[in-house]
């Protein structure tokens, strides 16, 4: 079944809406997003909907392979990106890079 929703921490909302954040890195439990599908996005904390995103691609990526390019797409430095990922997914090595574009807010 194709997922129709996605959540983000509130701190990422402004970057998503401004187009500064164009990817998300998720664990295996969230690898089932389908390219060309559209998902409704809400805040993780309270479930407030704030936009819709079109999924462009879903690709596996290793934590150790993350680069400045990935960090730029997340609108942060590589050190910040690695720290955020380890805070959310402690010890994770295999991630899924989901790229998207804003459909509407």
PDB file of N, CA and C in Angstrom:
ATOM      1  N   UNK A   1       0.839  -1.194   0.000  1.00  0.00           N
ATOM      2  CA  UNK A   1       0.000   0.000   0.000  1.00  0.00           C
ATOM      3  C   UNK A   1       0.881   1.254   0.000  1.00  0.00           C
ATOM      4  N   UNK A   2       0.581   2.181  -0.856  1.00  0.00           N
ATOM      5  CA  UNK A   2       1.352   3.415  -0.979  1.00  0.00           C
ATOM      6  C   UNK A   2       1.032   4.366   0.174  1.00  0.00           C
ATOM      7  N   UNK A   3       2.059   4.812   0.907  1.00  0.00           N
ATOM      8  CA  UNK A   3       1.804   5.786   1.983  1.00  0.00           C
ATOM      9  C   UNK A   3       1.232   7.087   1.416  1.00  0.00           C
ATOM     10  N   UNK A   4       0.328   7.698   2.160  1.00  0.00           N
ATOM     11  CA  UNK A   4      -0.296   8.950   1.722  1.00  0.00           C
ATOM     12  C   UNK A   4       0.006  10.112   2.661  1.00  0.00           C
ATOM     13  N   UNK A   5       0.733   9.833   3.739  1.00  0.00           N
ATOM     14  CA  UNK A   5       1.083  10.873   4.707  1.00  0.00           C
ATOM     15  C   UNK A   5       2.557  10.774   5.071  1.00  0.00           C
ATOM     16  N   UNK A   6       3.094  11.881   5.573  1.00  0.00           N
ATOM     17  CA  UNK A   6       4.479  11.932   6.042  1.00  0.00           C
ATOM     18  C   UNK A   6       4.523  12.966   7.156  1.00  0.00           C
ATOM     19  N   UNK A   7       5.339  12.716   8.164  1.00  0.00           N
ATOM     20  CA  UNK A   7       5.486  13.692   9.242  1.00  0.00           C
ATOM     21  C   UNK A   7       6.919  14.207   9.304  1.00  0.00           C
ATOM     22  N   UNK A   8       7.038  15.437   9.774  1.00  0.00           N
ATOM     23  CA  UNK A   8       8.326  16.076  10.012  1.00  0.00           C
ATOM     24  C   UNK A   8       8.260  16.780  11.359  1.00  0.00           C
ATOM     25  N   UNK A   9       9.403  16.878  12.022  1.00  0.00           N
ATOM     26  CA  UNK A   9       9.474  17.695  13.228  1.00  0.00           C
ATOM     27  C   UNK A   9       9.173  19.143  12.838  1.00  0.00           C
ATOM     28  N   UNK A  10       8.491  19.859  13.717  1.00  0.00           N
ATOM     29  CA  UNK A  10       8.104  21.251  13.449  1.00  0.00           C
ATOM     30  C   UNK A  10       9.286  22.116  13.045  1.00  0.00           C
ATOM     31  N   UNK A  11      10.464  21.838  13.579  1.00  0.00           N
ATOM     32  CA  UNK A  11      11.635  22.681  13.289  1.00  0.00           C
ATOM     33  C   UNK A  11      12.018  22.666  11.810  1.00  0.00           C
ATOM     34  N   UNK A  12      11.512  21.685  11.036  1.00  0.00           N
ATOM     35  CA  UNK A  12      11.838  21.606   9.611  1.00  0.00           C
ATOM     36  C   UNK A  12      10.782  22.256   8.715  1.00  0.00           C
ATOM     37  N   UNK A  13       9.669  22.674   9.271  1.00  0.00           N
ATOM     38  CA  UNK A  13       8.548  23.178   8.471  1.00  0.00           C
ATOM     39  C   UNK A  13       8.936  24.360   7.582  1.00  0.00           C
ATOM     40  N   UNK A  14       9.568  25.371   8.139  1.00  0.00           N
ATOM     41  CA  UNK A  14       9.919  26.571   7.360  1.00  0.00           C
ATOM     42  C   UNK A  14      10.850  26.227   6.202  1.00  0.00           C
ATOM     43  N   UNK A  15      11.817  25.342   6.425  1.00  0.00           N
ATOM     44  CA  UNK A  15      12.750  24.958   5.362  1.00  0.00           C
ATOM     45  C   UNK A  15      12.045  24.188   4.249  1.00  0.00           C
ATOM     46  N   UNK A  16      11.073  23.358   4.602  1.00  0.00           N
ATOM     47  CA  UNK A  16      10.308  22.627   3.590  1.00  0.00           C
ATOM     48  C   UNK A  16       9.479  23.607   2.768  1.00  0.00           C
ATOM     49  N   UNK A  17       8.766  24.495   3.435  1.00  0.00           N
ATOM     50  CA  UNK A  17       7.891  25.441   2.737  1.00  0.00           C
ATOM     51  C   UNK A  17       8.666  26.431   1.871  1.00  0.00           C
ATOM     52  N   UNK A  18       9.898  26.760   2.265  1.00  0.00           N
ATOM     53  CA  UNK A  18      10.708  27.701   1.486  1.00  0.00           C
ATOM     54  C   UNK A  18      11.478  27.019   0.358  1.00  0.00           C
ATOM     55  N   UNK A  19      11.468  25.684   0.328  1.00  0.00           N
ATOM     56  CA  UNK A  19      12.206  24.956  -0.696  1.00  0.00           C
ATOM     57  C   UNK A  19      13.667  24.750  -0.371  1.00  0.00           C
ATOM     58  N   UNK A  20      14.100  25.118   0.834  1.00  0.00           N
ATOM     59  CA  UNK A  20      15.500  24.932   1.230  1.00  0.00           C
ATOM     60  C   UNK A  20      15.799  23.478   1.586  1.00  0.00           C
ATOM     61  N   UNK A  21      14.796  22.748   2.027  1.00  0.00           N
ATOM     62  CA  UNK A  21      14.940  21.332   2.381  1.00  0.00           C
ATOM     63  C   UNK A  21      14.188  20.530   1.329  1.00  0.00           C
ATOM     64  N   UNK A  22      14.922  19.704   0.568  1.00  0.00           N
ATOM     65  CA  UNK A  22      14.312  18.981  -0.549  1.00  0.00           C
ATOM     66  C   UNK A  22      14.453  17.466  -0.447  1.00  0.00           C
ATOM     67  N   UNK A  23      15.024  16.984   0.657  1.00  0.00           N
ATOM     68  CA  UNK A  23      15.123  15.544   0.894  1.00  0.00           C
ATOM     69  C   UNK A  23      14.832  15.268   2.363  1.00  0.00           C
ATOM     70  N   UNK A  24      14.553  14.016   2.640  1.00  0.00           N
ATOM     71  CA  UNK A  24      14.482  13.546   4.014  1.00  0.00           C
ATOM     72  C   UNK A  24      15.153  12.189   4.066  1.00  0.00           C
ATOM     73  N   UNK A  25      15.812  11.910   5.154  1.00  0.00           N
ATOM     74  CA  UNK A  25      16.469  10.626   5.354  1.00  0.00           C
ATOM     75  C   UNK A  25      15.686   9.859   6.403  1.00  0.00           C
ATOM     76  N   UNK A  26      15.272   8.650   6.056  1.00  0.00           N
ATOM     77  CA  UNK A  26      14.418   7.851   6.928  1.00  0.00           C
ATOM     78  C   UNK A  26      14.992   6.443   7.090  1.00  0.00           C
ATOM     79  N   UNK A  27      14.447   5.724   8.061  1.00  0.00           N
ATOM     80  CA  UNK A  27      14.887   4.347   8.275  1.00  0.00           C
ATOM     81  C   UNK A  27      14.056   3.393   7.414  1.00  0.00           C
ATOM     82  N   UNK A  28      14.343   2.100   7.553  1.00  0.00           N
ATOM     83  CA  UNK A  28      13.701   1.087   6.718  1.00  0.00           C
ATOM     84  C   UNK A  28      12.176   1.077   6.854  1.00  0.00           C
ATOM     85  N   UNK A  29      11.672   1.437   8.010  1.00  0.00           N
ATOM     86  CA  UNK A  29      10.222   1.448   8.234  1.00  0.00           C
ATOM     87  C   UNK A  29       9.510   2.460   7.337  1.00  0.00           C
ATOM     88  N   UNK A  30      10.252   3.439   6.817  1.00  0.00           N
ATOM     89  CA  UNK A  30       9.636   4.482   5.989  1.00  0.00           C
ATOM     90  C   UNK A  30      10.171   4.488   4.558  1.00  0.00           C
ATOM     91  N   UNK A  31      10.598   3.334   4.076  1.00  0.00           N
ATOM     92  CA  UNK A  31      11.160   3.253   2.721  1.00  0.00           C
ATOM     93  C   UNK A  31      10.104   3.003   1.647  1.00  0.00           C
ATOM     94  N   UNK A  32       8.837   2.918   2.028  1.00  0.00           N
ATOM     95  CA  UNK A  32       7.798   2.485   1.104  1.00  0.00           C
ATOM     96  C   UNK A  32       7.118   3.611   0.325  1.00  0.00           C
ATOM     97  N   UNK A  33       7.657   4.810   0.388  1.00  0.00           N
ATOM     98  CA  UNK A  33       7.091   5.901  -0.405  1.00  0.00           C
ATOM     99  C   UNK A  33       7.332   5.616  -1.885  1.00  0.00           C
ATOM    100  N   UNK A  34       6.409   6.064  -2.723  1.00  0.00           N
ATOM    101  CA  UNK A  34       6.430   5.723  -4.142  1.00  0.00           C
ATOM    102  C   UNK A  34       6.642   6.985  -4.982  1.00  0.00           C
ATOM    103  N   UNK A  35       7.657   6.968  -5.874  1.00  0.00           N
ATOM    104  CA  UNK A  35       7.861   8.119  -6.758  1.00  0.00           C
ATOM    105  C   UNK A  35       6.584   8.466  -7.527  1.00  0.00           C
ATOM    106  N   UNK A  36       6.366   9.758  -7.704  1.00  0.00           N
ATOM    107  CA  UNK A  36       5.206  10.355  -8.374  1.00  0.00           C
ATOM    108  C   UNK A  36       3.937  10.358  -7.529  1.00  0.00           C
ATOM    109  N   UNK A  37       3.993   9.804  -6.316  1.00  0.00           N
ATOM    110  CA  UNK A  37       2.828   9.903  -5.433  1.00  0.00           C
ATOM    111  C   UNK A  37       2.887  11.232  -4.685  1.00  0.00           C
ATOM    112  N   UNK A  38       1.742  11.674  -4.187  1.00  0.00           N
ATOM    113  CA  UNK A  38       1.652  12.916  -3.422  1.00  0.00           C
ATOM    114  C   UNK A  38       1.222  12.564  -2.007  1.00  0.00           C
ATOM    115  N   UNK A  39       1.933  13.129  -1.027  1.00  0.00           N
ATOM    116  CA  UNK A  39       1.634  12.850   0.377  1.00  0.00           C
ATOM    117  C   UNK A  39       1.248  14.137   1.097  1.00  0.00           C
ATOM    118  N   UNK A  40       0.356  13.995   2.053  1.00  0.00           N
ATOM    119  CA  UNK A  40      -0.018  15.094   2.934  1.00  0.00           C
ATOM    120  C   UNK A  40       0.970  15.109   4.087  1.00  0.00           C
ATOM    121  N   UNK A  41       1.515  16.287   4.378  1.00  0.00           N
ATOM    122  CA  UNK A  41       2.568  16.413   5.385  1.00  0.00           C
ATOM    123  C   UNK A  41       2.032  17.116   6.624  1.00  0.00           C
ATOM    124  N   UNK A  42       2.385  16.558   7.770  1.00  0.00           N
ATOM    125  CA  UNK A  42       1.981  17.158   9.040  1.00  0.00           C
ATOM    126  C   UNK A  42       3.148  17.155  10.012  1.00  0.00           C
ATOM    127  N   UNK A  43       2.978  17.910  11.086  1.00  0.00           N
ATOM    128  CA  UNK A  43       4.014  17.961  12.114  1.00  0.00           C
ATOM    129  C   UNK A  43       3.959  16.700  12.959  1.00  0.00           C
ATOM    130  N   UNK A  44       5.121  16.203  13.319  1.00  0.00           N
ATOM    131  CA  UNK A  44       5.226  15.008  14.149  1.00  0.00           C
ATOM    132  C   UNK A  44       4.646  15.260  15.535  1.00  0.00           C
ATOM    133  N   UNK A  45       4.911  16.443  16.057  1.00  0.00           N
ATOM    134  CA  UNK A  45       4.539  16.746  17.436  1.00  0.00           C
ATOM    135  C   UNK A  45       3.028  16.763  17.670  1.00  0.00           C
ATOM    136  N   UNK A  46       2.272  17.438  16.790  1.00  0.00           N
ATOM    137  CA  UNK A  46       0.828  17.594  17.037  1.00  0.00           C
ATOM    138  C   UNK A  46      -0.051  17.186  15.854  1.00  0.00           C
ATOM    139  N   UNK A  47       0.549  16.752  14.752  1.00  0.00           N
ATOM    140  CA  UNK A  47      -0.238  16.299  13.615  1.00  0.00           C
ATOM    141  C   UNK A  47      -0.893  17.398  12.802  1.00  0.00           C
ATOM    142  N   UNK A  48      -0.385  18.623  12.895  1.00  0.00           N
ATOM    143  CA  UNK A  48      -0.931  19.748  12.133  1.00  0.00           C
ATOM    144  C   UNK A  48      -0.455  19.661  10.682  1.00  0.00           C
ATOM    145  N   UNK A  49      -1.403  19.560   9.746  1.00  0.00           N
ATOM    146  CA  UNK A  49      -1.051  19.499   8.328  1.00  0.00           C
ATOM    147  C   UNK A  49      -0.547  20.858   7.857  1.00  0.00           C
ATOM    148  N   UNK A  50       0.522  20.840   7.028  1.00  0.00           N
ATOM    149  CA  UNK A  50       1.039  22.120   6.540  1.00  0.00           C
ATOM    150  C   UNK A  50       1.394  22.152   5.064  1.00  0.00           C
ATOM    151  N   UNK A  51       1.389  21.019   4.371  1.00  0.00           N
ATOM    152  CA  UNK A  51       1.636  21.056   2.929  1.00  0.00           C
ATOM    153  C   UNK A  51       1.405  19.679   2.320  1.00  0.00           C
ATOM    154  N   UNK A  52       1.583  19.640   0.992  1.00  0.00           N
ATOM    155  CA  UNK A  52       1.610  18.367   0.277  1.00  0.00           C
ATOM    156  C   UNK A  52       2.907  18.330  -0.521  1.00  0.00           C
ATOM    157  N   UNK A  53       3.503  17.141  -0.581  1.00  0.00           N
ATOM    158  CA  UNK A  53       4.752  16.942  -1.299  1.00  0.00           C
ATOM    159  C   UNK A  53       4.593  15.847  -2.344  1.00  0.00           C
ATOM    160  N   UNK A  54       5.257  16.038  -3.479  1.00  0.00           N
ATOM    161  CA  UNK A  54       5.341  14.990  -4.495  1.00  0.00           C
ATOM    162  C   UNK A  54       6.651  14.250  -4.278  1.00  0.00           C
ATOM    163  N   UNK A  55       6.568  12.939  -4.132  1.00  0.00           N
ATOM    164  CA  UNK A  55       7.760  12.117  -3.950  1.00  0.00           C
ATOM    165  C   UNK A  55       8.440  11.959  -5.312  1.00  0.00           C
ATOM    166  N   UNK A  56       9.711  12.296  -5.378  1.00  0.00           N
ATOM    167  CA  UNK A  56      10.461  12.194  -6.633  1.00  0.00           C
ATOM    168  C   UNK A  56      11.245  10.894  -6.730  1.00  0.00           C
ATOM    169  N   UNK A  57      11.864  10.470  -5.617  1.00  0.00           N
ATOM    170  CA  UNK A  57      12.640   9.231  -5.629  1.00  0.00           C
ATOM    171  C   UNK A  57      12.848   8.733  -4.204  1.00  0.00           C
ATOM    172  N   UNK A  58      13.139   7.441  -4.113  1.00  0.00           N
ATOM    173  CA  UNK A  58      13.474   6.795  -2.842  1.00  0.00           C
ATOM    174  C   UNK A  58      14.688   5.917  -3.121  1.00  0.00           C
ATOM    175  N   UNK A  59      15.815   6.236  -2.467  1.00  0.00           N
ATOM    176  CA  UNK A  59      17.063   5.529  -2.746  1.00  0.00           C
ATOM    177  C   UNK A  59      17.771   5.171  -1.449  1.00  0.00           C
ATOM    178  N   UNK A  60      18.350   3.962  -1.373  1.00  0.00           N
ATOM    179  CA  UNK A  60      19.126   3.614  -0.183  1.00  0.00           C
ATOM    180  C   UNK A  60      20.430   4.409  -0.143  1.00  0.00           C
ATOM    181  N   UNK A  61      20.867   4.746   1.056  1.00  0.00           N
ATOM    182  CA  UNK A  61      22.142   5.440   1.237  1.00  0.00           C
ATOM    183  C   UNK A  61      22.701   5.046   2.602  1.00  0.00           C
ATOM    184  N   UNK A  62      23.999   4.826   2.654  1.00  0.00           N
ATOM    185  CA  UNK A  62      24.640   4.486   3.921  1.00  0.00           C
ATOM    186  C   UNK A  62      24.968   5.754   4.701  1.00  0.00           C
ATOM    187  N   UNK A  63      24.857   5.677   6.011  1.00  0.00           N
ATOM    188  CA  UNK A  63      25.170   6.817   6.870  1.00  0.00           C
ATOM    189  C   UNK A  63      26.566   7.352   6.560  1.00  0.00           C
ATOM    190  N   UNK A  64      27.545   6.448   6.411  1.00  0.00           N
ATOM    191  CA  UNK A  64      28.930   6.865   6.159  1.00  0.00           C
ATOM    192  C   UNK A  64      29.120   7.494   4.781  1.00  0.00           C
ATOM    193  N   UNK A  65      28.152   7.317   3.881  1.00  0.00           N
ATOM    194  CA  UNK A  65      28.251   7.882   2.534  1.00  0.00           C
ATOM    195  C   UNK A  65      27.611   9.265   2.430  1.00  0.00           C
ATOM    196  N   UNK A  66      27.012   9.746   3.512  1.00  0.00           N
ATOM    197  CA  UNK A  66      26.409  11.079   3.475  1.00  0.00           C
ATOM    198  C   UNK A  66      27.480  12.126   3.207  1.00  0.00           C
ATOM    199  N   UNK A  67      27.140  13.106   2.390  1.00  0.00           N
ATOM    200  CA  UNK A  67      28.117  14.108   1.964  1.00  0.00           C
ATOM    201  C   UNK A  67      27.572  15.519   2.173  1.00  0.00           C
ATOM    202  N   UNK A  68      28.418  16.487   1.854  1.00  0.00           N
ATOM    203  CA  UNK A  68      27.994  17.885   1.914  1.00  0.00           C
ATOM    204  C   UNK A  68      26.800  18.130   0.987  1.00  0.00           C
ATOM    205  N   UNK A  69      26.741  17.398  -0.114  1.00  0.00           N
ATOM    206  CA  UNK A  69      25.613  17.526  -1.045  1.00  0.00           C
ATOM    207  C   UNK A  69      24.298  17.164  -0.354  1.00  0.00           C
ATOM    208  N   UNK A  70      24.290  16.051   0.379  1.00  0.00           N
ATOM    209  CA  UNK A  70      23.087  15.657   1.125  1.00  0.00           C
ATOM    210  C   UNK A  70      22.746  16.715   2.174  1.00  0.00           C
ATOM    211  N   UNK A  71      23.760  17.184   2.872  1.00  0.00           N
ATOM    212  CA  UNK A  71      23.539  18.190   3.919  1.00  0.00           C
ATOM    213  C   UNK A  71      22.939  19.465   3.331  1.00  0.00           C
ATOM    214  N   UNK A  72      23.425  19.869   2.171  1.00  0.00           N
ATOM    215  CA  UNK A  72      22.894  21.072   1.516  1.00  0.00           C
ATOM    216  C   UNK A  72      21.410  20.895   1.189  1.00  0.00           C
ATOM    217  N   UNK A  73      21.024  19.707   0.733  1.00  0.00           N
ATOM    218  CA  UNK A  73      19.617  19.434   0.416  1.00  0.00           C
ATOM    219  C   UNK A  73      18.747  19.411   1.675  1.00  0.00           C
ATOM    220  N   UNK A  74      19.374  19.190   2.823  1.00  0.00           N
ATOM    221  CA  UNK A  74      18.666  19.213   4.112  1.00  0.00           C
ATOM    222  C   UNK A  74      18.743  20.597   4.764  1.00  0.00           C
ATOM    223  N   UNK A  75      19.463  21.523   4.111  1.00  0.00           N
ATOM    224  CA  UNK A  75      19.676  22.885   4.616  1.00  0.00           C
ATOM    225  C   UNK A  75      20.396  22.889   5.965  1.00  0.00           C
ATOM    226  N   UNK A  76      21.482  22.112   6.040  1.00  0.00           N
ATOM    227  CA  UNK A  76      22.327  22.111   7.236  1.00  0.00           C
ATOM    228  C   UNK A  76      23.732  21.677   6.849  1.00  0.00           C
ATOM    229  N   UNK A  77      24.661  21.771   7.801  1.00  0.00           N
ATOM    230  CA  UNK A  77      26.017  21.292   7.547  1.00  0.00           C
ATOM    231  C   UNK A  77      26.028  19.772   7.674  1.00  0.00           C
ATOM    232  N   UNK A  78      27.085  19.151   7.163  1.00  0.00           N
ATOM    233  CA  UNK A  78      27.205  17.698   7.251  1.00  0.00           C
ATOM    234  C   UNK A  78      27.263  17.246   8.707  1.00  0.00           C
ATOM    235  N   UNK A  79      28.001  17.962   9.541  1.00  0.00           N
ATOM    236  CA  UNK A  79      28.061  17.607  10.962  1.00  0.00           C
ATOM    237  C   UNK A  79      26.683  17.697  11.613  1.00  0.00           C
ATOM    238  N   UNK A  80      25.934  18.755  11.291  1.00  0.00           N
ATOM    239  CA  UNK A  80      24.574  18.898  11.835  1.00  0.00           C
ATOM    240  C   UNK A  80      23.683  17.750  11.367  1.00  0.00           C
ATOM    241  N   UNK A  81      23.778  17.413  10.082  1.00  0.00           N
ATOM    242  CA  UNK A  81      22.964  16.338   9.523  1.00  0.00           C
ATOM    243  C   UNK A  81      23.252  15.016  10.222  1.00  0.00           C
ATOM    244  N   UNK A  82      24.520  14.699  10.363  1.00  0.00           N
ATOM    245  CA  UNK A  82      24.878  13.434  11.025  1.00  0.00           C
ATOM    246  C   UNK A  82      24.396  13.405  12.472  1.00  0.00           C
ATOM    247  N   UNK A  83      24.495  14.535  13.154  1.00  0.00           N
ATOM    248  CA  UNK A  83      24.041  14.606  14.545  1.00  0.00           C
ATOM    249  C   UNK A  83      22.523  14.424  14.639  1.00  0.00           C
ATOM    250  N   UNK A  84      21.780  15.085  13.762  1.00  0.00           N
ATOM    251  CA  UNK A  84      20.318  14.966  13.765  1.00  0.00           C
ATOM    252  C   UNK A  84      19.904  13.519  13.494  1.00  0.00           C
ATOM    253  N   UNK A  85      20.535  12.886  12.512  1.00  0.00           N
ATOM    254  CA  UNK A  85      20.186  11.500  12.185  1.00  0.00           C
ATOM    255  C   UNK A  85      20.462  10.581  13.367  1.00  0.00           C
ATOM    256  N   UNK A  86      21.615  10.764  14.013  1.00  0.00           N
ATOM    257  CA  UNK A  86      21.935   9.903  15.156  1.00  0.00           C
ATOM    258  C   UNK A  86      21.019  10.172  16.349  1.00  0.00           C
ATOM    259  N   UNK A  87      20.533  11.401  16.489  1.00  0.00           N
ATOM    260  CA  UNK A  87      19.559  11.698  17.548  1.00  0.00           C
ATOM    261  C   UNK A  87      18.242  10.968  17.291  1.00  0.00           C
ATOM    262  N   UNK A  88      17.824  10.932  16.032  1.00  0.00           N
ATOM    263  CA  UNK A  88      16.542  10.318  15.674  1.00  0.00           C
ATOM    264  C   UNK A  88      16.667   8.800  15.564  1.00  0.00           C
ATOM    265  N   UNK A  89      17.750   8.332  14.946  1.00  0.00           N
ATOM    266  CA  UNK A  89      17.970   6.905  14.700  1.00  0.00           C
ATOM    267  C   UNK A  89      19.340   6.494  15.244  1.00  0.00           C
ATOM    268  N   UNK A  90      19.492   6.367  16.554  1.00  0.00           N
ATOM    269  CA  UNK A  90      20.811   6.051  17.134  1.00  0.00           C
ATOM    270  C   UNK A  90      21.437   4.790  16.530  1.00  0.00           C
ATOM    271  N   UNK A  91      22.688   4.934  16.070  1.00  0.00           N
ATOM    272  CA  UNK A  91      23.449   3.800  15.561  1.00  0.00           C
ATOM    273  C   UNK A  91      23.082   3.326  14.165  1.00  0.00           C
ATOM    274  N   UNK A  92      22.175   4.005  13.496  1.00  0.00           N
ATOM    275  CA  UNK A  92      21.719   3.550  12.171  1.00  0.00           C
ATOM    276  C   UNK A  92      22.841   3.654  11.146  1.00  0.00           C
ATOM    277  N   UNK A  93      22.906   2.682  10.240  1.00  0.00           N
ATOM    278  CA  UNK A  93      23.871   2.704   9.152  1.00  0.00           C
ATOM    279  C   UNK A  93      23.195   2.760   7.784  1.00  0.00           C
ATOM    280  N   UNK A  94      22.012   2.141   7.654  1.00  0.00           N
ATOM    281  CA  UNK A  94      21.308   2.104   6.377  1.00  0.00           C
ATOM    282  C   UNK A  94      20.097   3.027   6.431  1.00  0.00           C
ATOM    283  N   UNK A  95      20.090   3.998   5.538  1.00  0.00           N
ATOM    284  CA  UNK A  95      19.018   4.989   5.464  1.00  0.00           C
ATOM    285  C   UNK A  95      18.370   4.957   4.085  1.00  0.00           C
ATOM    286  N   UNK A  96      17.259   5.654   3.966  1.00  0.00           N
ATOM    287  CA  UNK A  96      16.598   5.833   2.678  1.00  0.00           C
ATOM    288  C   UNK A  96      16.433   7.323   2.432  1.00  0.00           C
ATOM    289  N   UNK A  97      16.967   7.760   1.301  1.00  0.00           N
ATOM    290  CA  UNK A  97      16.902   9.161   0.907  1.00  0.00           C
ATOM    291  C   UNK A  97      15.639   9.343   0.072  1.00  0.00           C
ATOM    292  N   UNK A  98      14.736  10.146   0.587  1.00  0.00           N
ATOM    293  CA  UNK A  98      13.489  10.430  -0.114  1.00  0.00           C
ATOM    294  C   UNK A  98      13.562  11.874  -0.600  1.00  0.00           C
ATOM    295  N   UNK A  99      13.580  12.049  -1.915  1.00  0.00           N
ATOM    296  CA  UNK A  99      13.588  13.409  -2.460  1.00  0.00           C
ATOM    297  C   UNK A  99      12.157  13.774  -2.848  1.00  0.00           C
ATOM    298  N   UNK A 100      11.857  15.067  -2.729  1.00  0.00           N
ATOM    299  CA  UNK A 100      10.485  15.518  -2.943  1.00  0.00           C
ATOM    300  C   UNK A 100      10.467  16.952  -3.435  1.00  0.00           C
ATOM    301  N   UNK A 101       9.293  17.370  -3.913  1.00  0.00           N
ATOM    302  CA  UNK A 101       9.080  18.776  -4.255  1.00  0.00           C
ATOM    303  C   UNK A 101       7.747  19.213  -3.678  1.00  0.00           C
ATOM    304  N   UNK A 102       7.687  20.471  -3.318  1.00  0.00           N
ATOM    305  CA  UNK A 102       6.481  21.046  -2.739  1.00  0.00           C
ATOM    306  C   UNK A 102       5.390  21.142  -3.804  1.00  0.00           C
ATOM    307  N   UNK A 103       4.211  20.624  -3.489  1.00  0.00           N
ATOM    308  CA  UNK A 103       3.059  20.724  -4.387  1.00  0.00           C
ATOM    309  C   UNK A 103       2.245  21.952  -4.010  1.00  0.00           C
ATOM    310  N   UNK A 104       1.881  22.052  -2.748  1.00  0.00           N
ATOM    311  CA  UNK A 104       1.171  23.220  -2.252  1.00  0.00           C
ATOM    312  C   UNK A 104       1.246  23.275  -0.736  1.00  0.00           C
ATOM    313  N   UNK A 105       1.010  24.473  -0.210  1.00  0.00           N
ATOM    314  CA  UNK A 105       1.066  24.663   1.244  1.00  0.00           C
ATOM    315  C   UNK A 105      -0.305  25.042   1.766  1.00  0.00           C
TER     316      UNK A 105
END
